[in-house]
Amino acid sequence: MSDNVNICGLEASRGQKSRTFLPVPGTASHIPVTIINGQGDGPTLLITAGIHGGEYPGIAAAIELGRDLEPQNISGCLIVIHPVNTPSFWARSAFIVPEDGKNLNRKFPGDAGGTLSQKIAHILSQKFFPQADFYIDLHSGDIHEELYPYVYYPGLPDEETAATARTVAQVLDMEYMVRSTATSGAYNYAAISGLPSLLIERGGAGLCLREDIEAYKKDILNIMRQLTLLPEPPQPRQHTPRDLTNVIYLENTDQGCWLPNFRSGSKVAKGDELGRLTDLFGTTIATYHAEQDGIILYQCASLAVPAGNVLLAYGKPAE
């Protein structure tokens, strides 16, 4: 951390909080950013929420922490973007940026001369990521998804970066974590670039429940304690995440009405009927069975399911 933080013209001197909007060049979009430059030396933590604008608890938690935390209580610098995808947030849209129809989280590292999604991704990857020592991306099940809390840590960067991220993940109050093998997404791009990162999942189905907001805030504060932005050690929690492996993302090939047999967080046994897809007359199109024992992490919560969507995701607890 330096005495003066300056990112894209947004400034915060030592001991200062800055809360303002960052314009996306060449567009009408503005992104709300809070920079809290602490009194003491320490690392820089970047938090993004609302890369998908309909994933509300993380957005609300980021807004409240940006409002309530003060520089005199922080060593280092906290940068919070809340939400990243303001067009999707105001449109109450799942996944995509309405202006260009793209999934922002699939557009990293972005393009300064591209569409709105690509421009936003470029700003994050080229302007904000290089300023950070650790990165947290807050997500939920989207508007049509029910989800059980869990965290992804990156599996494809160098082992030191992956191990750093996994160690921080263990201060979260949730039962499960998943080592990602994906190369897309903001946090995976950050990790492959050498920035330790996590993607945390809490809440979903278009809800913004106070219990999820508070749980998210407790998680973030514990991460800040682990990274020494806050002086005290991480506080006790009910759960410590354990790995789920061999996560299966079950997709449908035909559109239909999805009727699941379990809730997220449920244990399933190999061979269990997970649910079925019907047409608009109730005739079964497909029936889906578990390929392994596992825990359901998230699933589609809407009756209507277009072809090529994830019906549910489930993983096997590590031995």
Protein backbone atom coordinates (compact mmCIF):
# COMPACT_ATOMS: atom_id res chain seq x y z
CA MET A 1 0.00 0.00 0.00
CA SER A 2 1.23 3.47 -0.85
CA ASP A 3 0.44 6.76 0.85
CA ASN A 4 -1.80 7.66 -2.09
CA VAL A 5 -3.97 5.19 -4.01
CA ASN A 6 -4.93 6.24 -7.54
CA ILE A 7 -6.86 3.90 -9.83
CA CYS A 8 -8.35 5.31 -13.04
CA GLY A 9 -8.34 8.76 -11.44
CA LEU A 10 -10.06 7.58 -8.24
CA GLU A 11 -7.86 8.67 -5.33
CA ALA A 12 -7.63 8.05 -1.61
CA SER A 13 -4.76 9.35 0.50
CA ARG A 14 -3.48 7.56 3.60
CA GLY A 15 -6.25 7.53 6.22
CA GLN A 16 -8.94 8.55 3.70
CA LYS A 17 -12.11 6.94 2.36
CA SER A 18 -13.26 7.69 -1.18
CA ARG A 19 -16.73 6.76 -2.44
CA THR A 20 -17.49 7.64 -6.03
CA PHE A 21 -18.50 6.38 -9.47
CA LEU A 22 -16.03 5.23 -12.10
CA PRO A 23 -17.20 5.96 -15.65
CA VAL A 24 -16.73 3.19 -18.22
CA PRO A 25 -15.05 4.97 -21.16
CA GLY A 26 -17.15 5.30 -24.28
CA THR A 27 -20.37 4.24 -22.53
CA ALA A 28 -23.08 5.70 -20.31
CA SER A 29 -22.29 3.24 -17.49
CA HIS A 30 -20.77 4.16 -14.15
CA ILE A 31 -19.48 1.72 -11.52
CA PRO A 32 -19.68 2.49 -7.76
CA VAL A 33 -16.29 2.13 -6.06
CA THR A 34 -15.26 2.56 -2.42
CA ILE A 35 -11.56 2.88 -1.56
CA ILE A 36 -10.60 2.80 2.11
CA ASN A 37 -6.91 3.62 2.48
CA GLY A 38 -6.06 2.60 6.04
CA GLN A 39 -3.99 4.45 8.60
CA GLY A 40 -1.38 1.71 8.83
CA ASP A 41 0.68 -0.29 6.37
CA GLY A 42 -0.71 -3.56 5.08
CA PRO A 43 -1.92 -5.46 2.03
CA THR A 44 -4.48 -4.32 -0.52
CA LEU A 45 -7.68 -6.38 -0.69
CA LEU A 46 -9.96 -6.04 -3.71
CA ILE A 47 -13.60 -7.11 -3.41
CA THR A 48 -16.03 -7.24 -6.32
CA ALA A 49 -19.73 -7.97 -6.06
CA GLY A 50 -22.41 -8.09 -8.72
CA ILE A 51 -20.43 -9.23 -11.73
CA HIS A 52 -23.79 -10.91 -12.20
CA GLY A 53 -26.28 -8.19 -11.34
CA GLY A 54 -29.03 -10.47 -9.99
CA GLU A 55 -26.87 -12.05 -7.27
CA TYR A 56 -27.89 -9.79 -4.42
CA PRO A 57 -26.54 -10.78 -0.96
CA GLY A 58 -22.89 -10.16 -1.87
CA ILE A 59 -23.79 -6.81 -3.41
CA ALA A 60 -25.65 -5.72 -0.28
CA ALA A 61 -22.81 -6.94 1.98
CA ALA A 62 -20.23 -5.04 -0.11
CA ILE A 63 -22.31 -1.86 -0.01
CA GLU A 64 -22.70 -2.04 3.77
CA LEU A 65 -19.05 -2.83 4.50
CA GLY A 66 -17.93 -0.02 2.20
CA ARG A 67 -20.22 2.32 4.09
CA ASP A 68 -19.36 1.18 7.62
CA LEU A 69 -15.61 0.44 7.64
CA GLU A 70 -13.33 3.38 8.41
CA PRO A 71 -9.64 4.00 7.58
CA GLN A 72 -8.56 4.35 11.20
CA ASN A 73 -9.48 0.70 11.82
CA ILE A 74 -7.66 -0.74 8.78
CA SER A 75 -4.02 -1.54 8.04
CA GLY A 76 -3.60 -1.60 4.29
CA CYS A 77 -6.20 -0.75 1.69
CA LEU A 78 -9.67 -2.10 0.97
CA ILE A 79 -11.16 -1.56 -2.51
CA VAL A 80 -14.80 -2.51 -2.97
CA ILE A 81 -16.78 -2.44 -6.23
CA HIS A 82 -20.53 -2.75 -5.61
CA PRO A 83 -21.92 -3.77 -8.04
CA VAL A 84 -19.61 -4.22 -11.00
CA ASN A 85 -22.44 -4.88 -13.45
CA THR A 86 -24.73 -1.91 -12.81
CA PRO A 87 -26.74 -2.30 -16.08
CA SER A 88 -27.67 -5.89 -15.18
CA PHE A 89 -28.38 -4.89 -11.57
CA TRP A 90 -30.90 -2.19 -12.49
CA ALA A 91 -32.47 -4.38 -15.19
CA ARG A 92 -32.85 -7.27 -12.69
CA SER A 93 -31.22 -9.45 -15.32
CA ALA A 94 -29.67 -12.89 -14.80
CA PHE A 95 -26.07 -13.38 -15.99
CA ILE A 96 -25.92 -11.08 -18.98
CA VAL A 97 -25.17 -7.41 -19.55
CA PRO A 98 -28.34 -6.13 -21.27
CA GLU A 99 -26.50 -3.79 -23.65
CA ASP A 100 -24.51 -6.53 -25.39
CA GLY A 101 -26.09 -9.81 -24.27
CA LYS A 102 -22.78 -11.12 -22.90
CA ASN A 103 -21.91 -12.86 -19.64
CA LEU A 104 -19.39 -10.44 -18.11
CA ASN A 105 -17.69 -13.19 -16.13
CA ARG A 106 -16.75 -14.93 -19.39
CA LYS A 107 -15.08 -11.87 -20.94
CA PHE A 108 -11.85 -11.58 -18.98
CA PRO A 109 -9.29 -10.11 -19.54
CA GLY A 110 -11.57 -7.92 -21.64
CA ASP A 111 -10.96 -5.40 -24.40
CA ALA A 112 -10.75 -1.62 -24.06
CA GLY A 113 -12.20 -1.27 -27.56
CA GLY A 114 -14.90 -3.91 -27.22
CA THR A 115 -18.50 -3.97 -26.05
CA LEU A 116 -19.60 -2.87 -22.58
CA SER A 117 -18.90 -6.27 -21.00
CA GLN A 118 -15.43 -6.36 -22.50
CA LYS A 119 -14.69 -2.77 -21.42
CA ILE A 120 -15.68 -3.50 -17.80
CA ALA A 121 -13.60 -6.69 -17.75
CA HIS A 122 -10.64 -4.76 -19.14
CA ILE A 123 -10.88 -2.11 -16.41
CA LEU A 124 -10.91 -4.77 -13.68
CA SER A 125 -8.15 -6.93 -15.10
CA GLN A 126 -5.78 -4.16 -16.19
CA LYS A 127 -6.42 -1.39 -13.66
CA PHE A 128 -7.65 -2.98 -10.43
CA PHE A 129 -6.05 -6.46 -10.33
CA PRO A 130 -2.48 -5.10 -10.50
CA GLN A 131 -3.16 -2.96 -7.41
CA ALA A 132 -4.28 -5.89 -5.23
CA ASP A 133 -2.53 -8.47 -3.06
CA PHE A 134 -5.67 -10.60 -2.67
CA TYR A 135 -8.99 -10.67 -4.52
CA ILE A 136 -12.48 -11.83 -3.49
CA ASP A 137 -15.35 -12.11 -5.97
CA LEU A 138 -18.78 -12.34 -4.32
CA HIS A 139 -21.50 -14.36 -6.06
CA SER A 140 -24.80 -16.10 -5.32
CA GLY A 141 -27.11 -18.42 -7.12
CA ASP A 142 -28.55 -16.22 -9.86
CA ILE A 143 -32.20 -15.21 -10.08
CA HIS A 144 -33.19 -18.72 -11.20
CA GLU A 145 -30.77 -20.71 -9.00
CA GLU A 146 -31.02 -22.14 -5.48
CA LEU A 147 -27.62 -22.51 -3.80
CA TYR A 148 -25.92 -23.96 -0.72
CA PRO A 149 -23.00 -21.82 0.53
CA TYR A 150 -19.55 -22.81 -0.76
CA VAL A 151 -16.32 -21.29 -2.08
CA TYR A 152 -14.17 -21.85 -5.16
CA TYR A 153 -10.41 -21.53 -4.91
CA PRO A 154 -8.26 -21.57 -8.05
CA GLY A 155 -6.54 -24.76 -9.08
CA LEU A 156 -4.66 -23.82 -12.22
CA PRO A 157 -2.16 -21.14 -11.18
CA ASP A 158 1.17 -21.99 -9.54
CA GLU A 159 0.90 -24.05 -6.37
CA GLU A 160 1.92 -21.16 -4.11
CA THR A 161 -0.94 -18.97 -5.37
CA ALA A 162 -3.44 -21.82 -5.09
CA ALA A 163 -2.24 -22.71 -1.57
CA THR A 164 -2.46 -19.08 -0.42
CA ALA A 165 -6.05 -18.86 -1.66
CA ARG A 166 -7.02 -22.18 -0.07
CA THR A 167 -5.58 -21.16 3.30
CA VAL A 168 -7.67 -17.98 3.29
CA ALA A 169 -10.76 -19.95 2.22
CA GLN A 170 -10.50 -21.98 5.42
CA VAL A 171 -11.52 -18.99 7.59
CA LEU A 172 -14.96 -18.91 5.93
CA ASP A 173 -18.02 -20.19 7.78
CA MET A 174 -19.27 -22.73 5.24
CA GLU A 175 -19.07 -26.49 4.84
CA TYR A 176 -17.63 -26.92 1.36
CA MET A 177 -14.97 -25.64 -1.00
CA VAL A 178 -14.16 -26.60 -4.57
CA ARG A 179 -10.81 -26.39 -6.34
CA SER A 180 -11.63 -24.92 -9.73
CA THR A 181 -10.09 -26.20 -12.94
CA ALA A 182 -11.69 -23.47 -15.07
CA THR A 183 -9.70 -20.83 -16.91
CA SER A 184 -12.53 -18.33 -17.40
CA GLY A 185 -13.99 -15.83 -14.97
CA ALA A 186 -12.64 -12.85 -13.09
CA TYR A 187 -11.11 -14.71 -10.16
CA ASN A 188 -9.55 -17.45 -12.30
CA TYR A 189 -7.97 -14.87 -14.61
CA ALA A 190 -6.66 -13.02 -11.56
CA ALA A 191 -5.18 -16.19 -10.08
CA ILE A 192 -3.55 -17.29 -13.33
CA SER A 193 -2.02 -13.79 -13.43
CA GLY A 194 -0.53 -14.40 -9.98
CA LEU A 195 -3.14 -12.72 -7.77
CA PRO A 196 -4.51 -15.10 -5.06
CA SER A 197 -8.28 -15.08 -5.31
CA LEU A 198 -11.53 -16.68 -4.17
CA LEU A 199 -15.05 -16.84 -5.55
CA ILE A 200 -17.56 -17.10 -2.70
CA GLU A 201 -21.15 -18.26 -3.22
CA ARG A 202 -23.99 -17.41 -0.77
CA GLY A 203 -27.73 -17.02 -1.25
CA GLY A 204 -29.65 -17.04 -4.50
CA ALA A 205 -33.02 -17.34 -6.25
CA GLY A 206 -33.32 -13.56 -6.54
CA LEU A 207 -33.54 -13.15 -2.74
CA CYS A 208 -31.60 -10.71 -0.58
CA LEU A 209 -32.08 -12.13 2.90
CA ARG A 210 -30.58 -10.40 5.93
CA GLU A 211 -29.14 -13.70 7.18
CA ASP A 212 -27.15 -14.13 3.96
CA ILE A 213 -25.94 -10.52 4.01
CA GLU A 214 -24.72 -10.85 7.60
CA ALA A 215 -23.06 -14.20 6.92
CA TYR A 216 -21.28 -12.64 3.96
CA LYS A 217 -20.09 -9.71 6.07
CA LYS A 218 -18.74 -12.07 8.75
CA ASP A 219 -16.88 -14.02 6.08
CA ILE A 220 -15.29 -10.89 4.62
CA LEU A 221 -14.29 -9.53 8.03
CA ASN A 222 -12.65 -12.86 8.86
CA ILE A 223 -10.72 -12.71 5.59
CA MET A 224 -9.60 -9.18 6.48
CA ARG A 225 -8.40 -10.49 9.85
CA GLN A 226 -6.56 -13.37 8.20
CA LEU A 227 -4.84 -10.96 5.80
CA THR A 228 -4.00 -8.54 8.69
CA LEU A 229 -6.12 -5.65 7.39
CA LEU A 230 -7.86 -5.88 10.77
CA PRO A 231 -5.78 -6.36 13.94
CA GLU A 232 -7.54 -9.25 15.69
CA PRO A 233 -7.29 -12.95 14.67
CA PRO A 234 -10.13 -14.61 12.72
CA GLN A 235 -13.17 -15.20 14.89
CA PRO A 236 -14.54 -18.68 15.66
CA ARG A 237 -17.04 -20.08 13.19
CA GLN A 238 -19.43 -23.01 13.02
CA HIS A 239 -17.94 -24.62 9.92
CA THR A 240 -14.55 -24.97 8.23
CA PRO A 241 -14.78 -25.73 4.50
CA ARG A 242 -13.77 -29.18 3.27
CA ASP A 243 -13.11 -30.10 -0.31
CA LEU A 244 -15.68 -31.43 -2.73
CA THR A 245 -14.16 -33.13 -5.75
CA ASN A 246 -15.38 -34.38 -9.12
CA VAL A 247 -18.13 -31.77 -9.36
CA ILE A 248 -20.68 -32.70 -12.04
CA TYR A 249 -22.55 -29.88 -13.77
CA LEU A 250 -25.66 -31.55 -15.13
CA GLU A 251 -27.00 -29.83 -18.26
CA ASN A 252 -30.21 -30.42 -20.21
CA THR A 253 -30.22 -30.86 -23.98
CA ASP A 254 -33.90 -29.94 -24.45
CA GLN A 255 -35.96 -27.09 -23.05
CA GLY A 256 -38.62 -28.10 -20.58
CA CYS A 257 -40.10 -27.84 -17.11
CA TRP A 258 -37.63 -28.84 -14.40
CA LEU A 259 -38.96 -30.75 -11.37
CA PRO A 260 -36.15 -31.50 -8.90
CA ASN A 261 -36.38 -34.09 -6.13
CA PHE A 262 -33.85 -32.53 -3.74
CA ARG A 263 -32.82 -29.19 -2.30
CA SER A 264 -29.38 -27.65 -2.50
CA GLY A 265 -27.20 -28.97 0.31
CA SER A 266 -28.85 -32.40 0.15
CA LYS A 267 -26.83 -35.59 0.12
CA VAL A 268 -27.55 -37.87 -2.82
CA ALA A 269 -26.52 -41.46 -3.46
CA LYS A 270 -25.43 -42.93 -6.75
CA GLY A 271 -28.54 -43.90 -8.72
CA ASP A 272 -30.91 -41.50 -6.95
CA GLU A 273 -33.39 -39.76 -9.24
CA LEU A 274 -32.31 -36.11 -9.13
CA GLY A 275 -35.31 -34.80 -11.03
CA ARG A 276 -37.08 -34.86 -14.35
CA LEU A 277 -37.84 -32.60 -17.27
CA THR A 278 -41.35 -32.47 -18.75
CA ASP A 279 -43.05 -30.70 -21.62
CA LEU A 280 -45.91 -28.24 -21.16
CA PHE A 281 -48.40 -31.12 -21.00
CA GLY A 282 -46.53 -32.83 -18.15
CA THR A 283 -45.10 -35.61 -20.28
CA THR A 284 -41.61 -36.60 -19.11
CA ILE A 285 -38.88 -35.70 -21.57
CA ALA A 286 -35.91 -36.86 -19.52
CA THR A 287 -35.14 -38.29 -16.10
CA TYR A 288 -31.78 -37.66 -14.45
CA HIS A 289 -30.00 -39.94 -11.97
CA ALA A 290 -26.93 -39.32 -9.80
CA GLU A 291 -23.74 -40.72 -11.28
CA GLN A 292 -22.06 -40.75 -7.86
CA ASP A 293 -22.66 -40.08 -4.19
CA GLY A 294 -22.46 -36.37 -3.54
CA ILE A 295 -23.69 -33.05 -2.18
CA ILE A 296 -25.86 -30.75 -4.28
CA LEU A 297 -24.19 -27.33 -4.41
CA TYR A 298 -26.77 -25.52 -6.51
CA GLN A 299 -29.63 -26.20 -8.87
CA CYS A 300 -32.09 -24.49 -11.15
CA ALA A 301 -34.94 -23.04 -9.09
CA SER A 302 -37.19 -22.07 -11.99
CA LEU A 303 -39.76 -24.30 -13.66
CA ALA A 304 -38.84 -23.08 -17.13
CA VAL A 305 -35.41 -24.21 -18.34
CA PRO A 306 -34.03 -23.39 -21.81
CA ALA A 307 -31.84 -26.01 -23.47
CA GLY A 308 -28.18 -26.03 -22.47
CA ASN A 309 -28.62 -24.84 -18.89
CA VAL A 310 -27.18 -26.32 -15.70
CA LEU A 311 -29.98 -28.17 -13.92
CA LEU A 312 -27.83 -28.86 -10.87
CA ALA A 313 -24.23 -29.25 -9.74
CA TYR A 314 -23.10 -31.84 -7.22
CA GLY A 315 -19.73 -32.94 -5.92
CA LYS A 316 -18.17 -35.76 -3.94
CA PRO A 317 -16.65 -35.07 -0.50
CA ALA A 318 -12.90 -35.70 -0.53
CA GLU A 319 -11.72 -38.80 1.27
